[in-house]
């Protein structure tokens, strides 16, 4: 009797697990997940480029100040 109850609950658990996995493969779910991941990746790329451009601008200002390139040339 206990063995039957065990196999009955194991079968119910496995069938629920398989149903959830199959629902995750539904085209609408896959499309939604792909769009969400692409939006997240785009946000990461924007953050990275913003940080990189900010650091590059800061470094350019530092180098121009060090080598005196920020002073205008006066031609008389």
C-alpha atoms as a PDB file:
ATOM      1  CA  UNK A   1       0.000   0.000   0.000  1.00  0.00           C
ATOM      2  CA  UNK A   2       2.804   2.447   0.891  1.00  0.00           C
ATOM      3  CA  UNK A   3       4.633   1.476  -2.295  1.00  0.00           C
ATOM      4  CA  UNK A   4       1.540   2.291  -4.396  1.00  0.00           C
ATOM      5  CA  UNK A   5       1.118   5.635  -2.659  1.00  0.00           C
ATOM      6  CA  UNK A   6       4.787   6.422  -3.289  1.00  0.00           C
ATOM      7  CA  UNK A   7       4.546   5.609  -7.009  1.00  0.00           C
ATOM      8  CA  UNK A   8       1.260   7.510  -7.305  1.00  0.00           C
ATOM      9  CA  UNK A   9       2.812  10.647  -5.783  1.00  0.00           C
ATOM     10  CA  UNK A  10       5.966  10.198  -7.870  1.00  0.00           C
ATOM     11  CA  UNK A  11       3.850   9.990 -11.024  1.00  0.00           C
ATOM     12  CA  UNK A  12       1.857  13.077 -10.050  1.00  0.00           C
ATOM     13  CA  UNK A  13       5.048  15.018  -9.355  1.00  0.00           C
ATOM     14  CA  UNK A  14       6.658  13.955 -12.621  1.00  0.00           C
ATOM     15  CA  UNK A  15       3.557  14.772 -14.645  1.00  0.00           C
ATOM     16  CA  UNK A  16       3.388  18.263 -13.101  1.00  0.00           C
ATOM     17  CA  UNK A  17       7.100  18.782 -13.774  1.00  0.00           C
ATOM     18  CA  UNK A  18       6.742  17.686 -17.411  1.00  0.00           C
ATOM     19  CA  UNK A  19       3.703  19.940 -17.900  1.00  0.00           C
ATOM     20  CA  UNK A  20       5.607  22.961 -16.586  1.00  0.00           C
ATOM     21  CA  UNK A  21       8.558  22.199 -18.847  1.00  0.00           C
ATOM     22  CA  UNK A  22       6.266  21.863 -21.862  1.00  0.00           C
ATOM     23  CA  UNK A  23       4.496  25.130 -21.017  1.00  0.00           C
ATOM     24  CA  UNK A  24       7.889  26.842 -20.903  1.00  0.00           C
ATOM     25  CA  UNK A  25       8.422  25.787 -24.523  1.00  0.00           C
ATOM     26  CA  UNK A  26       5.207  27.450 -25.687  1.00  0.00           C
ATOM     27  CA  UNK A  27       6.007  29.943 -28.484  1.00  0.00           C
ATOM     28  CA  UNK A  28       4.509  32.935 -26.653  1.00  0.00           C
ATOM     29  CA  UNK A  29       6.544  32.179 -23.556  1.00  0.00           C
ATOM     30  CA  UNK A  30       9.750  31.705 -25.545  1.00  0.00           C
ATOM     31  CA  UNK A  31       9.171  34.962 -27.458  1.00  0.00           C
ATOM     32  CA  UNK A  32       8.455  36.889 -24.264  1.00  0.00           C
ATOM     33  CA  UNK A  33      11.556  35.462 -22.610  1.00  0.00           C
ATOM     34  CA  UNK A  34      13.699  36.310 -25.653  1.00  0.00           C
ATOM     35  CA  UNK A  35      12.433  39.896 -25.765  1.00  0.00           C
ATOM     36  CA  UNK A  36      13.065  40.289 -22.046  1.00  0.00           C
ATOM     37  CA  UNK A  37      16.620  38.940 -22.376  1.00  0.00           C
ATOM     38  CA  UNK A  38      17.328  41.137 -25.407  1.00  0.00           C
ATOM     39  CA  UNK A  39      16.077  44.222 -23.570  1.00  0.00           C
ATOM     40  CA  UNK A  40      18.293  43.367 -20.611  1.00  0.00           C
ATOM     41  CA  UNK A  41      21.301  42.877 -22.870  1.00  0.00           C
ATOM     42  CA  UNK A  42      20.610  46.196 -24.622  1.00  0.00           C
ATOM     43  CA  UNK A  43      20.476  47.960 -21.262  1.00  0.00           C
ATOM     44  CA  UNK A  44      23.827  46.413 -20.289  1.00  0.00           C
ATOM     45  CA  UNK A  45      25.395  47.536 -23.579  1.00  0.00           C
ATOM     46  CA  UNK A  46      24.073  51.073 -23.055  1.00  0.00           C
ATOM     47  CA  UNK A  47      25.481  51.160 -19.527  1.00  0.00           C
ATOM     48  CA  UNK A  48      28.846  49.865 -20.727  1.00  0.00           C
ATOM     49  CA  UNK A  49      29.138  52.365 -23.589  1.00  0.00           C
ATOM     50  CA  UNK A  50      28.077  55.216 -21.317  1.00  0.00           C
ATOM     51  CA  UNK A  51      30.726  54.263 -18.767  1.00  0.00           C
ATOM     52  CA  UNK A  52      33.391  53.768 -21.449  1.00  0.00           C
ATOM     53  CA  UNK A  53      32.673  57.116 -23.127  1.00  0.00           C
ATOM     54  CA  UNK A  54      32.673  58.899 -19.776  1.00  0.00           C
ATOM     55  CA  UNK A  55      36.020  57.371 -18.825  1.00  0.00           C
ATOM     56  CA  UNK A  56      37.484  58.157 -22.258  1.00  0.00           C
ATOM     57  CA  UNK A  57      36.378  61.797 -22.019  1.00  0.00           C
ATOM     58  CA  UNK A  58      37.866  62.096 -18.546  1.00  0.00           C
ATOM     59  CA  UNK A  59      41.154  60.590 -19.699  1.00  0.00           C
ATOM     60  CA  UNK A  60      41.246  62.904 -22.733  1.00  0.00           C
ATOM     61  CA  UNK A  61      40.792  65.946 -20.492  1.00  0.00           C
ATOM     62  CA  UNK A  62      43.562  64.672 -18.223  1.00  0.00           C
ATOM     63  CA  UNK A  63      45.974  64.111 -21.136  1.00  0.00           C
ATOM     64  CA  UNK A  64      45.169  67.454 -22.754  1.00  0.00           C
ATOM     65  CA  UNK A  65      45.905  69.210 -19.442  1.00  0.00           C
ATOM     66  CA  UNK A  66      49.149  67.274 -18.952  1.00  0.00           C
ATOM     67  CA  UNK A  67      50.538  68.031 -22.412  1.00  0.00           C
ATOM     68  CA  UNK A  68      49.127  71.540 -22.681  1.00  0.00           C
ATOM     69  CA  UNK A  69      46.852  70.786 -25.603  1.00  0.00           C
ATOM     70  CA  UNK A  70      43.889  72.554 -24.099  1.00  0.00           C
ATOM     71  CA  UNK A  71      45.474  75.998 -24.493  1.00  0.00           C
ATOM     72  CA  UNK A  72      44.608  77.865 -27.677  1.00  0.00           C
ATOM     73  CA  UNK A  73      47.481  78.689 -30.020  1.00  0.00           C
ATOM     74  CA  UNK A  74      47.985  82.411 -30.591  1.00  0.00           C
ATOM     75  CA  UNK A  75      49.341  83.259 -34.008  1.00  0.00           C
ATOM     76  CA  UNK A  76      50.544  86.836 -34.227  1.00  0.00           C
END
